Amino acid sequence: MHSTVKVVFGPAHEFDLQVDGSEVLSFEAARAWLDEQFVLHGCVPMRGSGKVLIADKIVAVAAALGPAAFADPALALDYARAASGALSKALLRVDVAKHAISY
């Protein structure tokens, strides 16, 4: 089984990332990768309470990386492996412009 993660920054910047099922990170590994990237890129909580949901981290990390970073196949694969593992979904759409995730 494989997973597809679509990252959308806008009409001109859409990335379809394919991940083999054996490459998807475990929940704990995915969460650790997203936590690391969230801090590394200076992301801030989207909610006034300061609570950061996994979905918020997935969107925030994509936004912080930006479209240019997704041109790097290794980084794009790492992101897709983590996003898919964190949410345990085979099909995931990350709409950065709308700050939304759909399955």
N, C-alpha and C. Protein backbone atom coordinates (compact mmCIF):
# COMPACT_ATOMS: atom_id res chain seq x y z
N MET A 1 0.85 -1.18 0.00
CA MET A 1 0.00 0.00 0.00
C MET A 1 0.89 1.24 0.00
N HIS A 2 0.45 2.25 -0.69
CA HIS A 2 1.21 3.49 -0.70
C HIS A 2 0.34 4.63 -0.19
N SER A 3 1.01 5.73 0.12
CA SER A 3 0.31 6.93 0.59
C SER A 3 0.59 8.07 -0.38
N THR A 4 -0.38 8.95 -0.50
CA THR A 4 -0.22 10.15 -1.31
C THR A 4 -0.47 11.36 -0.43
N VAL A 5 0.49 12.28 -0.44
CA VAL A 5 0.36 13.53 0.29
C VAL A 5 0.43 14.64 -0.75
N LYS A 6 -0.64 15.40 -0.87
CA LYS A 6 -0.68 16.53 -1.80
C LYS A 6 -0.52 17.81 -0.97
N VAL A 7 0.49 18.59 -1.30
CA VAL A 7 0.74 19.85 -0.60
C VAL A 7 0.43 20.97 -1.58
N VAL A 8 -0.50 21.85 -1.20
CA VAL A 8 -0.97 22.91 -2.08
C VAL A 8 -0.64 24.27 -1.46
N PHE A 9 0.16 25.05 -2.20
CA PHE A 9 0.46 26.41 -1.78
C PHE A 9 -0.39 27.42 -2.55
N GLY A 10 -0.88 27.01 -3.67
CA GLY A 10 -1.68 27.84 -4.56
C GLY A 10 -1.79 27.12 -5.89
N PRO A 11 -2.51 27.70 -6.84
CA PRO A 11 -2.72 27.03 -8.13
C PRO A 11 -1.42 26.68 -8.86
N ALA A 12 -0.41 27.50 -8.71
CA ALA A 12 0.84 27.27 -9.43
C ALA A 12 1.82 26.39 -8.66
N HIS A 13 1.53 26.11 -7.41
CA HIS A 13 2.46 25.35 -6.56
C HIS A 13 1.75 24.22 -5.85
N GLU A 14 1.65 23.07 -6.53
CA GLU A 14 1.05 21.87 -5.95
C GLU A 14 2.05 20.74 -6.10
N PHE A 15 2.19 19.97 -5.03
CA PHE A 15 3.14 18.87 -5.02
C PHE A 15 2.43 17.59 -4.63
N ASP A 16 2.51 16.56 -5.50
CA ASP A 16 1.96 15.25 -5.22
C ASP A 16 3.11 14.36 -4.79
N LEU A 17 3.13 14.00 -3.51
CA LEU A 17 4.21 13.22 -2.95
C LEU A 17 3.73 11.79 -2.71
N GLN A 18 4.44 10.83 -3.27
CA GLN A 18 4.08 9.42 -3.15
C GLN A 18 5.04 8.75 -2.17
N VAL A 19 4.47 7.95 -1.26
CA VAL A 19 5.27 7.26 -0.26
C VAL A 19 4.84 5.80 -0.24
N ASP A 20 5.81 4.91 -0.35
CA ASP A 20 5.54 3.49 -0.22
C ASP A 20 5.15 3.22 1.23
N GLY A 21 4.21 2.32 1.45
CA GLY A 21 3.73 2.02 2.79
C GLY A 21 4.84 1.64 3.77
N SER A 22 5.89 0.98 3.27
CA SER A 22 6.99 0.58 4.15
C SER A 22 7.85 1.77 4.59
N GLU A 23 7.72 2.89 3.89
CA GLU A 23 8.52 4.08 4.22
C GLU A 23 7.82 5.03 5.19
N VAL A 24 6.53 4.86 5.39
CA VAL A 24 5.78 5.75 6.27
C VAL A 24 6.31 5.60 7.69
N LEU A 25 6.53 6.73 8.35
CA LEU A 25 7.05 6.71 9.71
C LEU A 25 5.98 6.25 10.71
N SER A 26 6.44 5.67 11.79
CA SER A 26 5.52 5.33 12.88
C SER A 26 5.00 6.64 13.46
N PHE A 27 3.92 6.55 14.23
CA PHE A 27 3.34 7.76 14.82
C PHE A 27 4.37 8.50 15.66
N GLU A 28 5.11 7.79 16.49
CA GLU A 28 6.09 8.44 17.37
C GLU A 28 7.22 9.09 16.57
N ALA A 29 7.73 8.39 15.56
CA ALA A 29 8.80 8.94 14.74
C ALA A 29 8.30 10.15 13.93
N ALA A 30 7.07 10.06 13.42
CA ALA A 30 6.48 11.17 12.65
C ALA A 30 6.31 12.39 13.54
N ARG A 31 5.81 12.16 14.74
CA ARG A 31 5.61 13.27 15.68
C ARG A 31 6.94 13.92 16.05
N ALA A 32 7.97 13.11 16.27
CA ALA A 32 9.29 13.64 16.62
C ALA A 32 9.85 14.48 15.46
N TRP A 33 9.69 14.00 14.23
CA TRP A 33 10.19 14.74 13.07
C TRP A 33 9.46 16.07 12.94
N LEU A 34 8.15 16.04 13.06
CA LEU A 34 7.36 17.27 12.96
C LEU A 34 7.69 18.24 14.08
N ASP A 35 7.87 17.74 15.31
CA ASP A 35 8.25 18.60 16.44
C ASP A 35 9.58 19.29 16.16
N GLU A 36 10.55 18.50 15.68
CA GLU A 36 11.88 19.04 15.38
C GLU A 36 11.81 20.13 14.32
N GLN A 37 11.07 19.87 13.24
CA GLN A 37 10.95 20.85 12.16
C GLN A 37 10.18 22.09 12.61
N PHE A 38 9.17 21.91 13.44
CA PHE A 38 8.36 23.01 13.96
C PHE A 38 9.27 23.99 14.72
N VAL A 39 10.13 23.45 15.57
CA VAL A 39 11.05 24.29 16.37
C VAL A 39 12.15 24.85 15.48
N LEU A 40 12.74 24.02 14.64
CA LEU A 40 13.85 24.43 13.77
C LEU A 40 13.48 25.62 12.89
N HIS A 41 12.26 25.64 12.41
CA HIS A 41 11.82 26.71 11.49
C HIS A 41 11.08 27.85 12.19
N GLY A 42 11.08 27.83 13.51
CA GLY A 42 10.49 28.94 14.26
C GLY A 42 8.99 29.07 14.10
N CYS A 43 8.31 27.97 13.91
CA CYS A 43 6.85 28.01 13.78
C CYS A 43 6.23 28.40 15.13
N VAL A 44 5.09 29.04 15.06
CA VAL A 44 4.40 29.47 16.27
C VAL A 44 3.00 28.84 16.30
N PRO A 45 2.46 28.62 17.50
CA PRO A 45 1.12 28.06 17.61
C PRO A 45 0.09 28.93 16.90
N MET A 46 -0.86 28.29 16.24
CA MET A 46 -1.90 29.01 15.51
C MET A 46 -3.05 29.42 16.42
N ARG A 47 -3.16 28.78 17.57
CA ARG A 47 -4.27 29.01 18.49
C ARG A 47 -3.80 29.88 19.66
N GLY A 48 -4.67 30.73 20.12
CA GLY A 48 -4.36 31.62 21.24
C GLY A 48 -4.04 30.87 22.52
N SER A 49 -4.56 29.65 22.65
CA SER A 49 -4.31 28.87 23.86
C SER A 49 -2.88 28.34 23.90
N GLY A 50 -2.20 28.35 22.76
CA GLY A 50 -0.85 27.82 22.69
C GLY A 50 -0.80 26.34 22.39
N LYS A 51 -1.96 25.71 22.34
CA LYS A 51 -2.03 24.28 22.04
C LYS A 51 -1.74 24.07 20.56
N VAL A 52 -0.90 23.08 20.27
CA VAL A 52 -0.52 22.80 18.88
C VAL A 52 -0.93 21.36 18.55
N LEU A 53 -1.88 21.23 17.66
CA LEU A 53 -2.33 19.92 17.21
C LEU A 53 -1.39 19.38 16.14
N ILE A 54 -1.38 18.07 15.97
CA ILE A 54 -0.54 17.46 14.93
C ILE A 54 -0.88 18.06 13.56
N ALA A 55 -2.15 18.23 13.27
CA ALA A 55 -2.55 18.82 11.99
C ALA A 55 -1.99 20.24 11.83
N ASP A 56 -1.98 21.00 12.93
CA ASP A 56 -1.41 22.35 12.89
C ASP A 56 0.07 22.30 12.55
N LYS A 57 0.78 21.32 13.12
CA LYS A 57 2.21 21.19 12.86
C LYS A 57 2.46 20.83 11.40
N ILE A 58 1.64 19.96 10.86
CA ILE A 58 1.81 19.56 9.45
C ILE A 58 1.66 20.77 8.54
N VAL A 59 0.65 21.59 8.78
CA VAL A 59 0.44 22.80 7.96
C VAL A 59 1.54 23.82 8.21
N ALA A 60 1.89 24.06 9.47
CA ALA A 60 2.90 25.06 9.81
C ALA A 60 4.27 24.71 9.24
N VAL A 61 4.64 23.45 9.31
CA VAL A 61 5.94 23.03 8.76
C VAL A 61 5.95 23.21 7.25
N ALA A 62 4.88 22.83 6.57
CA ALA A 62 4.81 23.03 5.11
C ALA A 62 4.93 24.51 4.77
N ALA A 63 4.22 25.35 5.52
CA ALA A 63 4.28 26.80 5.27
C ALA A 63 5.69 27.34 5.51
N ALA A 64 6.33 26.88 6.57
CA ALA A 64 7.69 27.35 6.89
C ALA A 64 8.69 26.89 5.84
N LEU A 65 8.53 25.68 5.34
CA LEU A 65 9.45 25.18 4.32
C LEU A 65 9.26 25.92 3.00
N GLY A 66 8.02 26.17 2.63
CA GLY A 66 7.72 26.88 1.39
C GLY A 66 7.85 26.00 0.17
N PRO A 67 7.33 26.47 -0.95
CA PRO A 67 7.33 25.67 -2.18
C PRO A 67 8.72 25.28 -2.67
N ALA A 68 9.69 26.15 -2.49
CA ALA A 68 11.05 25.86 -2.99
C ALA A 68 11.64 24.63 -2.32
N ALA A 69 11.36 24.43 -1.05
CA ALA A 69 11.91 23.29 -0.32
C ALA A 69 11.35 21.97 -0.84
N PHE A 70 10.12 21.99 -1.35
CA PHE A 70 9.51 20.76 -1.84
C PHE A 70 10.08 20.32 -3.19
N ALA A 71 10.92 21.15 -3.79
CA ALA A 71 11.64 20.76 -5.00
C ALA A 71 12.77 19.79 -4.67
N ASP A 72 13.17 19.74 -3.39
CA ASP A 72 14.20 18.80 -2.93
C ASP A 72 13.52 17.46 -2.66
N PRO A 73 13.78 16.44 -3.48
CA PRO A 73 13.09 15.16 -3.32
C PRO A 73 13.27 14.51 -1.95
N ALA A 74 14.44 14.64 -1.36
CA ALA A 74 14.69 14.02 -0.05
C ALA A 74 13.85 14.68 1.04
N LEU A 75 13.81 16.01 1.04
CA LEU A 75 13.03 16.73 2.05
C LEU A 75 11.54 16.49 1.83
N ALA A 76 11.10 16.51 0.59
CA ALA A 76 9.69 16.26 0.28
C ALA A 76 9.28 14.86 0.74
N LEU A 77 10.15 13.88 0.54
CA LEU A 77 9.85 12.52 0.98
C LEU A 77 9.78 12.44 2.51
N ASP A 78 10.72 13.09 3.19
CA ASP A 78 10.70 13.11 4.66
C ASP A 78 9.40 13.71 5.17
N TYR A 79 8.99 14.82 4.57
CA TYR A 79 7.75 15.48 4.97
C TYR A 79 6.55 14.54 4.76
N ALA A 80 6.48 13.92 3.58
CA ALA A 80 5.36 13.03 3.26
C ALA A 80 5.34 11.82 4.19
N ARG A 81 6.50 11.27 4.50
CA ARG A 81 6.58 10.13 5.41
C ARG A 81 6.05 10.50 6.79
N ALA A 82 6.41 11.70 7.26
CA ALA A 82 5.98 12.16 8.58
C ALA A 82 4.49 12.51 8.59
N ALA A 83 4.03 13.25 7.60
CA ALA A 83 2.62 13.66 7.55
C ALA A 83 1.71 12.44 7.48
N SER A 84 2.06 11.49 6.64
CA SER A 84 1.25 10.29 6.48
C SER A 84 1.27 9.45 7.76
N GLY A 85 2.42 9.32 8.38
CA GLY A 85 2.53 8.55 9.61
C GLY A 85 1.84 9.20 10.79
N ALA A 86 1.88 10.50 10.85
CA ALA A 86 1.27 11.22 11.98
C ALA A 86 -0.24 11.09 11.98
N LEU A 87 -0.84 11.03 10.79
CA LEU A 87 -2.31 10.98 10.70
C LEU A 87 -2.85 9.62 10.28
N SER A 88 -1.96 8.70 9.95
CA SER A 88 -2.36 7.35 9.53
C SER A 88 -3.40 7.37 8.42
N LYS A 89 -3.14 8.19 7.42
CA LYS A 89 -4.05 8.30 6.27
C LYS A 89 -3.29 7.97 4.98
N ALA A 90 -3.95 7.26 4.07
CA ALA A 90 -3.33 6.92 2.79
C ALA A 90 -3.41 8.07 1.79
N LEU A 91 -4.38 8.95 1.99
CA LEU A 91 -4.54 10.11 1.10
C LEU A 91 -4.73 11.34 1.97
N LEU A 92 -3.87 12.31 1.75
CA LEU A 92 -3.85 13.50 2.60
C LEU A 92 -3.62 14.72 1.72
N ARG A 93 -4.43 15.75 1.92
CA ARG A 93 -4.25 17.01 1.19
C ARG A 93 -3.98 18.10 2.21
N VAL A 94 -2.84 18.76 2.06
CA VAL A 94 -2.44 19.85 2.94
C VAL A 94 -2.55 21.14 2.14
N ASP A 95 -3.54 21.95 2.47
CA ASP A 95 -3.75 23.23 1.79
C ASP A 95 -3.17 24.33 2.67
N VAL A 96 -1.97 24.75 2.34
CA VAL A 96 -1.25 25.72 3.16
C VAL A 96 -1.94 27.08 3.13
N ALA A 97 -2.41 27.49 1.97
CA ALA A 97 -3.06 28.80 1.85
C ALA A 97 -4.31 28.90 2.72
N LYS A 98 -5.04 27.80 2.84
CA LYS A 98 -6.29 27.81 3.62
C LYS A 98 -6.07 27.29 5.05
N HIS A 99 -4.83 26.91 5.36
CA HIS A 99 -4.52 26.34 6.68
C HIS A 99 -5.45 25.17 6.99
N ALA A 100 -5.57 24.25 6.02
CA ALA A 100 -6.50 23.14 6.17
C ALA A 100 -5.89 21.82 5.71
N ILE A 101 -6.39 20.75 6.33
CA ILE A 101 -6.01 19.40 5.92
C ILE A 101 -7.30 18.63 5.65
N SER A 102 -7.28 17.87 4.57
CA SER A 102 -8.42 17.00 4.28
C SER A 102 -7.88 15.61 3.94
N TYR A 103 -8.74 14.62 4.10
CA TYR A 103 -8.35 13.22 3.87
C TYR A 103 -9.02 12.68 2.64
